[in-house]
N, C-alpha and C. Protein backbone atom coordinates (compact mmCIF):
# COMPACT_ATOMS: atom_id res chain seq x y z
N MET A 1 1.59 27.32 -5.39
CA MET A 1 1.16 26.86 -4.26
C MET A 1 2.03 25.72 -3.89
N GLU A 2 2.69 25.84 -2.46
CA GLU A 2 3.49 24.72 -2.09
C GLU A 2 2.66 23.68 -1.29
N LEU A 3 2.92 22.47 -1.69
CA LEU A 3 2.36 21.22 -0.74
C LEU A 3 2.65 21.12 0.45
N LYS A 4 1.81 20.83 1.45
CA LYS A 4 2.14 20.63 2.66
C LYS A 4 3.16 19.31 2.75
N LYS A 5 4.05 19.30 3.59
CA LYS A 5 4.88 18.09 3.77
C LYS A 5 4.39 17.30 4.76
N SER A 6 3.40 17.78 5.77
CA SER A 6 2.79 17.05 6.72
C SER A 6 1.62 17.75 7.32
N PHE A 7 0.79 17.04 7.95
CA PHE A 7 -0.43 17.49 8.62
C PHE A 7 -0.37 17.34 10.09
N PRO A 8 -0.65 18.39 10.83
CA PRO A 8 -0.60 18.17 12.29
C PRO A 8 -2.01 17.41 12.59
N ILE A 9 -1.97 16.51 13.80
CA ILE A 9 -3.16 15.80 13.96
C ILE A 9 -4.47 16.71 14.12
N THR A 10 -4.19 18.03 14.56
CA THR A 10 -5.34 18.75 14.65
C THR A 10 -5.97 19.14 13.35
N GLU A 11 -5.35 19.05 12.36
CA GLU A 11 -5.91 19.22 10.87
C GLU A 11 -6.43 18.07 10.38
N ILE A 12 -6.29 16.91 10.80
CA ILE A 12 -6.54 15.63 10.11
C ILE A 12 -8.07 15.37 10.49
N GLN A 13 -8.78 15.33 9.45
CA GLN A 13 -10.30 15.06 9.49
C GLN A 13 -10.68 13.74 8.97
N ILE A 14 -11.91 13.13 9.67
CA ILE A 14 -12.43 12.14 8.92
C ILE A 14 -12.83 12.32 7.58
N GLY A 15 -12.61 11.17 6.74
CA GLY A 15 -12.87 11.49 5.44
C GLY A 15 -11.90 11.86 4.37
N MET A 16 -10.80 12.50 4.94
CA MET A 16 -9.53 12.76 4.22
C MET A 16 -9.25 11.74 3.41
N THR A 17 -8.68 11.84 2.36
CA THR A 17 -8.00 10.81 1.51
C THR A 17 -6.65 11.28 0.81
N ALA A 18 -6.01 10.19 0.41
CA ALA A 18 -4.74 10.58 -0.26
C ALA A 18 -4.48 9.18 -1.12
N SER A 19 -3.84 9.29 -2.54
CA SER A 19 -3.57 8.12 -3.05
C SER A 19 -2.18 8.16 -3.75
N TYR A 20 -1.84 7.08 -4.31
CA TYR A 20 -0.53 6.79 -5.15
C TYR A 20 -0.83 5.59 -5.99
N SER A 21 -0.35 5.77 -7.15
CA SER A 21 -0.46 4.82 -8.22
C SER A 21 0.75 4.49 -8.79
N GLN A 22 1.05 3.22 -9.04
CA GLN A 22 2.21 2.58 -9.62
C GLN A 22 2.04 1.43 -10.64
N THR A 23 2.46 1.28 -11.85
CA THR A 23 2.56 0.07 -12.72
C THR A 23 3.44 -0.77 -12.21
N ILE A 24 3.13 -2.08 -12.02
CA ILE A 24 4.12 -3.12 -11.61
C ILE A 24 4.91 -3.78 -12.77
N THR A 25 6.32 -3.54 -12.51
CA THR A 25 7.26 -3.94 -13.34
C THR A 25 7.88 -5.16 -12.99
N ASP A 26 8.68 -5.90 -13.85
CA ASP A 26 9.64 -6.95 -13.72
C ASP A 26 10.72 -6.52 -12.56
N ALA A 27 11.12 -5.52 -12.91
CA ALA A 27 12.12 -4.84 -11.93
C ALA A 27 11.64 -4.61 -10.37
N ASP A 28 10.36 -4.27 -10.42
CA ASP A 28 9.79 -3.97 -9.02
C ASP A 28 9.70 -5.42 -8.38
N ILE A 29 9.14 -6.41 -8.95
CA ILE A 29 9.01 -7.76 -8.36
C ILE A 29 10.46 -8.37 -8.08
N LYS A 30 11.41 -8.18 -8.89
CA LYS A 30 12.74 -8.65 -8.53
C LYS A 30 13.42 -7.78 -7.33
N GLY A 31 13.26 -6.67 -7.41
CA GLY A 31 13.63 -5.83 -6.47
C GLY A 31 13.05 -6.09 -5.10
N PHE A 32 11.80 -6.42 -4.95
CA PHE A 32 11.18 -6.77 -3.71
C PHE A 32 11.52 -8.07 -3.33
N SER A 33 11.56 -8.88 -4.12
CA SER A 33 12.12 -10.46 -3.83
C SER A 33 13.55 -10.25 -3.41
N GLY A 34 14.64 -9.41 -3.76
CA GLY A 34 15.70 -9.19 -3.04
C GLY A 34 15.77 -8.57 -1.90
N LEU A 35 14.88 -7.64 -1.71
CA LEU A 35 14.86 -7.03 -0.30
C LEU A 35 14.06 -7.70 0.69
N SER A 36 13.01 -8.59 0.33
CA SER A 36 12.26 -9.23 1.25
C SER A 36 12.85 -10.72 1.51
N GLY A 37 13.59 -11.11 0.43
CA GLY A 37 14.02 -12.62 0.55
C GLY A 37 13.19 -13.58 0.17
N ASP A 38 11.88 -12.96 -0.29
CA ASP A 38 10.77 -14.00 -0.66
C ASP A 38 11.03 -14.05 -2.14
N HIS A 39 11.53 -15.46 -2.71
CA HIS A 39 11.86 -15.79 -4.03
C HIS A 39 11.00 -16.87 -4.43
N ASN A 40 9.64 -16.91 -3.84
CA ASN A 40 8.73 -17.66 -4.31
C ASN A 40 8.62 -17.84 -5.99
N PRO A 41 8.72 -18.99 -6.52
CA PRO A 41 8.61 -18.97 -7.95
C PRO A 41 7.35 -18.35 -8.65
N VAL A 42 6.17 -18.27 -7.89
CA VAL A 42 5.03 -17.59 -8.61
C VAL A 42 5.29 -16.27 -8.79
N HIS A 43 6.41 -15.58 -8.13
CA HIS A 43 6.64 -14.28 -8.43
C HIS A 43 7.72 -14.17 -9.23
N VAL A 44 8.56 -14.83 -9.40
CA VAL A 44 9.84 -14.65 -10.05
C VAL A 44 10.28 -15.82 -11.20
N ASN A 45 9.43 -16.79 -11.49
CA ASN A 45 9.68 -17.66 -12.32
C ASN A 45 8.61 -17.72 -13.45
N GLU A 46 8.70 -17.33 -14.62
CA GLU A 46 7.53 -17.36 -15.53
C GLU A 46 6.93 -18.83 -15.67
N GLN A 47 7.93 -19.79 -16.02
CA GLN A 47 7.57 -21.15 -16.46
C GLN A 47 6.61 -21.69 -15.29
N TYR A 48 7.12 -21.51 -13.90
CA TYR A 48 6.52 -22.05 -12.73
C TYR A 48 5.07 -21.41 -12.60
N ALA A 49 5.08 -20.18 -12.85
CA ALA A 49 3.96 -19.31 -12.62
C ALA A 49 2.89 -19.63 -13.64
N LYS A 50 3.35 -19.95 -14.70
CA LYS A 50 2.26 -20.27 -15.95
C LYS A 50 1.40 -21.47 -15.58
N LYS A 51 2.09 -22.38 -14.82
CA LYS A 51 1.48 -23.59 -14.32
C LYS A 51 0.64 -23.72 -13.26
N SER A 52 0.82 -22.43 -12.55
CA SER A 52 -0.02 -22.13 -11.21
C SER A 52 -1.37 -21.79 -11.68
N ARG A 53 -2.00 -21.48 -10.51
CA ARG A 53 -3.66 -21.04 -10.66
C ARG A 53 -3.52 -19.91 -11.31
N TYR A 54 -2.56 -18.98 -11.14
CA TYR A 54 -2.72 -17.51 -11.53
C TYR A 54 -2.39 -17.61 -13.17
N LYS A 55 -1.74 -18.60 -13.65
CA LYS A 55 -1.39 -18.56 -15.16
C LYS A 55 -0.41 -17.64 -15.58
N GLY A 56 0.32 -17.10 -14.54
CA GLY A 56 1.38 -16.12 -14.88
C GLY A 56 2.02 -15.29 -13.59
N ARG A 57 3.01 -14.77 -13.86
CA ARG A 57 3.63 -14.25 -12.48
C ARG A 57 2.77 -13.25 -11.79
N ILE A 58 2.84 -13.10 -10.47
CA ILE A 58 2.17 -12.20 -9.85
C ILE A 58 3.10 -11.50 -8.86
N ALA A 59 2.63 -10.41 -8.51
CA ALA A 59 3.40 -9.54 -7.48
C ALA A 59 3.12 -9.79 -6.20
N HIS A 60 4.05 -9.73 -5.17
CA HIS A 60 4.06 -9.95 -3.86
C HIS A 60 2.92 -9.42 -3.23
N GLY A 61 1.94 -9.72 -2.49
CA GLY A 61 0.93 -8.91 -1.82
C GLY A 61 1.55 -7.65 -0.97
N LEU A 62 2.58 -8.08 -0.41
CA LEU A 62 3.13 -6.88 0.32
C LEU A 62 3.94 -5.80 -0.47
N LEU A 63 4.27 -6.14 -1.69
CA LEU A 63 4.77 -5.08 -2.41
C LEU A 63 3.62 -3.98 -2.68
N THR A 64 2.57 -4.52 -2.92
CA THR A 64 1.49 -3.47 -3.27
C THR A 64 0.96 -2.90 -1.95
N ALA A 65 0.99 -3.48 -0.90
CA ALA A 65 0.55 -2.93 0.32
C ALA A 65 1.67 -1.95 0.72
N SER A 66 2.86 -2.08 0.37
CA SER A 66 3.73 -1.01 0.90
C SER A 66 3.72 0.26 0.13
N PHE A 67 2.86 0.31 -0.89
CA PHE A 67 2.17 1.75 -1.38
C PHE A 67 1.76 2.55 -0.41
N PHE A 68 1.03 1.92 0.71
CA PHE A 68 0.42 2.66 1.82
C PHE A 68 1.53 3.47 2.44
N SER A 69 2.54 2.83 2.64
CA SER A 69 3.68 3.34 3.54
C SER A 69 4.15 4.70 2.70
N ALA A 70 4.11 4.55 1.40
CA ALA A 70 4.58 5.73 0.42
C ALA A 70 3.62 7.00 0.66
N ILE A 71 2.27 6.76 0.95
CA ILE A 71 1.24 7.67 1.15
C ILE A 71 1.47 8.34 2.51
N PHE A 72 1.60 7.37 3.49
CA PHE A 72 1.86 7.92 4.90
C PHE A 72 2.85 8.66 5.16
N GLY A 73 3.89 8.42 4.56
CA GLY A 73 5.38 9.09 4.72
C GLY A 73 5.52 10.44 3.87
N THR A 74 4.54 10.40 2.90
CA THR A 74 4.80 11.88 1.85
C THR A 74 3.61 12.68 1.69
N LYS A 75 2.36 11.96 1.81
CA LYS A 75 1.16 12.85 1.69
C LYS A 75 0.33 12.94 2.83
N LEU A 76 -0.26 11.95 3.46
CA LEU A 76 -1.10 12.07 4.55
C LEU A 76 -0.85 10.91 5.57
N PRO A 77 -0.48 11.25 6.86
CA PRO A 77 -0.25 12.52 7.65
C PRO A 77 1.18 13.18 6.89
N GLY A 78 2.07 12.41 6.50
CA GLY A 78 3.17 12.95 5.87
C GLY A 78 4.50 12.86 6.76
N GLU A 79 5.44 13.68 6.68
CA GLU A 79 6.76 13.58 7.18
C GLU A 79 6.56 13.23 8.72
N GLY A 80 7.52 12.43 9.33
CA GLY A 80 7.52 12.17 10.55
C GLY A 80 6.46 11.12 11.28
N CYS A 81 5.43 10.75 10.58
CA CYS A 81 4.57 9.90 11.08
C CYS A 81 5.26 8.38 11.14
N VAL A 82 4.63 7.66 12.11
CA VAL A 82 5.29 6.32 12.29
C VAL A 82 4.06 5.27 12.15
N TYR A 83 4.30 4.21 11.19
CA TYR A 83 3.54 3.11 11.27
C TYR A 83 3.27 2.40 12.65
N VAL A 84 1.93 2.25 13.12
CA VAL A 84 1.82 1.54 14.20
C VAL A 84 1.44 0.07 14.03
N SER A 85 0.26 0.03 13.08
CA SER A 85 -0.08 -1.32 12.89
C SER A 85 -0.90 -1.39 11.53
N GLN A 86 -1.05 -2.37 10.83
CA GLN A 86 -1.72 -2.68 9.65
C GLN A 86 -2.24 -3.95 9.60
N ASN A 87 -3.53 -4.17 9.06
CA ASN A 87 -3.94 -5.57 8.83
C ASN A 87 -4.36 -5.62 7.38
N LEU A 88 -4.43 -6.70 6.68
CA LEU A 88 -4.58 -6.80 5.34
C LEU A 88 -5.28 -8.01 4.91
N GLN A 89 -6.13 -7.76 3.90
CA GLN A 89 -6.62 -8.92 3.19
C GLN A 89 -6.49 -8.82 1.70
N PHE A 90 -5.91 -9.87 1.12
CA PHE A 90 -5.49 -9.98 -0.23
C PHE A 90 -6.72 -10.60 -1.05
N LYS A 91 -7.33 -9.87 -1.85
CA LYS A 91 -8.57 -10.33 -2.51
C LYS A 91 -8.34 -10.77 -3.96
N ARG A 92 -7.46 -10.32 -4.62
CA ARG A 92 -7.12 -10.64 -6.09
C ARG A 92 -5.51 -10.53 -6.29
N PRO A 93 -5.05 -11.25 -7.23
CA PRO A 93 -3.70 -11.32 -7.55
C PRO A 93 -3.33 -9.96 -8.51
N VAL A 94 -2.10 -9.39 -8.56
CA VAL A 94 -1.68 -8.57 -9.22
C VAL A 94 -0.51 -8.77 -9.95
N TYR A 95 -0.81 -8.62 -11.33
CA TYR A 95 0.08 -9.25 -12.50
C TYR A 95 0.98 -8.11 -12.84
N LEU A 96 2.18 -8.50 -13.44
CA LEU A 96 3.08 -7.58 -14.34
C LEU A 96 2.36 -6.64 -15.15
N GLY A 97 2.31 -5.45 -15.09
CA GLY A 97 1.86 -4.56 -16.15
C GLY A 97 0.54 -4.10 -15.50
N ASP A 98 0.10 -4.61 -14.36
CA ASP A 98 -0.93 -3.88 -13.78
C ASP A 98 -0.72 -2.48 -13.08
N THR A 99 -1.67 -1.63 -13.19
CA THR A 99 -1.40 -0.34 -12.42
C THR A 99 -2.18 -0.31 -11.08
N VAL A 100 -1.66 -0.21 -10.05
CA VAL A 100 -2.17 -0.46 -8.80
C VAL A 100 -2.31 1.12 -8.22
N GLU A 101 -3.63 1.30 -7.82
CA GLU A 101 -3.94 2.59 -7.09
C GLU A 101 -4.19 2.23 -5.65
N ALA A 102 -3.30 2.75 -4.92
CA ALA A 102 -3.31 2.67 -3.50
C ALA A 102 -4.07 3.97 -2.76
N LYS A 103 -5.09 3.80 -2.00
CA LYS A 103 -5.81 4.95 -1.59
C LYS A 103 -5.97 4.69 0.11
N VAL A 104 -5.76 5.82 0.75
CA VAL A 104 -6.14 5.79 2.29
C VAL A 104 -7.15 6.66 2.60
N THR A 105 -7.88 6.47 3.51
CA THR A 105 -8.95 7.48 4.04
C THR A 105 -9.03 7.32 5.48
N VAL A 106 -9.00 8.38 6.00
CA VAL A 106 -9.17 8.75 7.52
C VAL A 106 -10.39 8.11 8.04
N ILE A 107 -10.36 7.24 8.99
CA ILE A 107 -11.64 6.87 9.57
C ILE A 107 -11.69 6.96 11.11
N ALA A 108 -10.66 7.22 11.84
CA ALA A 108 -10.71 7.94 13.21
C ALA A 108 -9.44 8.65 13.36
N VAL A 109 -9.58 9.65 14.25
CA VAL A 109 -8.60 10.55 14.88
C VAL A 109 -8.68 10.55 16.35
N ASN A 110 -7.64 10.29 16.89
CA ASN A 110 -7.45 10.22 18.42
C ASN A 110 -6.39 11.23 18.94
N ILE A 111 -6.67 12.49 19.28
CA ILE A 111 -5.84 13.52 19.47
C ILE A 111 -4.90 13.27 20.78
N SER A 112 -5.63 12.70 21.77
CA SER A 112 -4.96 12.58 23.02
C SER A 112 -3.86 11.35 22.77
N THR A 113 -3.99 10.39 21.99
CA THR A 113 -2.96 9.38 21.73
C THR A 113 -2.29 9.52 20.46
N LYS A 114 -2.55 10.71 19.67
CA LYS A 114 -1.73 11.06 18.49
C LYS A 114 -1.74 9.93 17.52
N ARG A 115 -2.98 9.20 17.49
CA ARG A 115 -3.13 8.20 16.45
C ARG A 115 -4.23 8.42 15.49
N VAL A 116 -3.94 8.23 14.16
CA VAL A 116 -4.99 8.21 13.32
C VAL A 116 -5.15 6.87 12.73
N THR A 117 -6.50 6.40 12.35
CA THR A 117 -6.68 5.18 11.90
C THR A 117 -7.05 5.44 10.45
N PHE A 118 -6.75 4.55 9.48
CA PHE A 118 -7.00 4.77 8.09
C PHE A 118 -7.63 3.55 7.44
N GLU A 119 -8.68 3.67 6.68
CA GLU A 119 -8.91 2.35 5.74
C GLU A 119 -8.00 2.61 4.51
N THR A 120 -7.47 1.33 4.23
CA THR A 120 -6.47 1.19 3.18
C THR A 120 -6.97 0.34 2.01
N VAL A 121 -6.83 0.82 0.81
CA VAL A 121 -7.39 -0.02 -0.32
C VAL A 121 -6.52 0.02 -1.54
N CYS A 122 -6.15 -1.06 -2.04
CA CYS A 122 -5.52 -1.22 -3.37
C CYS A 122 -6.40 -1.71 -4.44
N SER A 123 -6.38 -1.06 -5.58
CA SER A 123 -7.23 -1.70 -6.74
C SER A 123 -6.47 -1.69 -7.92
N VAL A 124 -6.85 -2.48 -8.77
CA VAL A 124 -6.55 -2.57 -10.17
C VAL A 124 -7.75 -2.42 -11.08
N SER A 125 -7.70 -1.43 -11.92
CA SER A 125 -8.84 -1.32 -12.81
C SER A 125 -10.23 -1.38 -12.01
N GLY A 126 -10.20 -0.65 -10.93
CA GLY A 126 -11.34 -0.68 -10.14
C GLY A 126 -11.82 -1.74 -9.32
N LYS A 127 -11.05 -2.84 -9.41
CA LYS A 127 -11.25 -4.06 -8.60
C LYS A 127 -10.18 -3.87 -7.46
N VAL A 128 -11.04 -4.17 -6.28
CA VAL A 128 -10.08 -4.18 -5.02
C VAL A 128 -9.37 -5.50 -5.08
N VAL A 129 -7.91 -5.20 -4.80
CA VAL A 129 -6.98 -6.44 -4.64
C VAL A 129 -6.45 -6.70 -3.38
N THR A 130 -6.35 -5.41 -2.41
CA THR A 130 -6.25 -5.46 -1.23
C THR A 130 -6.68 -4.36 -0.35
N ILE A 131 -7.06 -5.03 0.84
CA ILE A 131 -8.04 -3.91 1.74
C ILE A 131 -7.58 -4.27 3.28
N GLY A 132 -7.68 -3.17 3.92
CA GLY A 132 -7.26 -3.35 5.47
C GLY A 132 -7.47 -2.03 6.17
N THR A 133 -6.98 -1.99 7.37
CA THR A 133 -6.83 -0.73 8.16
C THR A 133 -5.67 -0.51 8.67
N ALA A 134 -5.04 0.69 8.91
CA ALA A 134 -3.61 0.99 9.49
C ALA A 134 -3.85 2.06 10.74
N GLU A 135 -3.14 2.02 11.47
CA GLU A 135 -2.92 3.09 12.52
C GLU A 135 -1.63 3.62 12.32
N ILE A 136 -1.72 5.02 12.54
CA ILE A 136 -0.40 5.89 12.33
C ILE A 136 -0.21 6.67 13.53
N PHE A 137 1.01 6.88 14.00
CA PHE A 137 1.31 7.64 15.04
C PHE A 137 1.96 8.95 14.60
N ILE A 138 1.47 10.22 15.09
CA ILE A 138 1.82 11.37 14.54
C ILE A 138 2.57 12.10 15.67
N PRO A 139 3.89 12.35 15.68
CA PRO A 139 4.60 12.95 16.91
C PRO A 139 4.26 14.32 17.08
């Protein structure tokens, strides 16, 4: 059975979910630092991070939040959709070696504006690390 590459807005229902998981590596953090320009030592310098409140290097919050984009562009709604907005709250740090599960859930569908609203949650070992809502446009 072939997986859908995208869902038309008329097939999207409240309660639909999709998820993506990834384990955070040193390469992920260094790559994100290079792409974003955020070289905060709490992310990239082990000696500095050990002295911080986190006692070790942590991933950028926006790195984990970027996993929502992976879901939207490849799973739900899928190809062709466009991010309109995202709000975020960062609840806990994410460390190297943590496996982050990003999950999106449809909470509203507006067919006339072609927009879908999602609850967005990242968790590590069942504990919420990032939460928010996103609005996606479906052409």
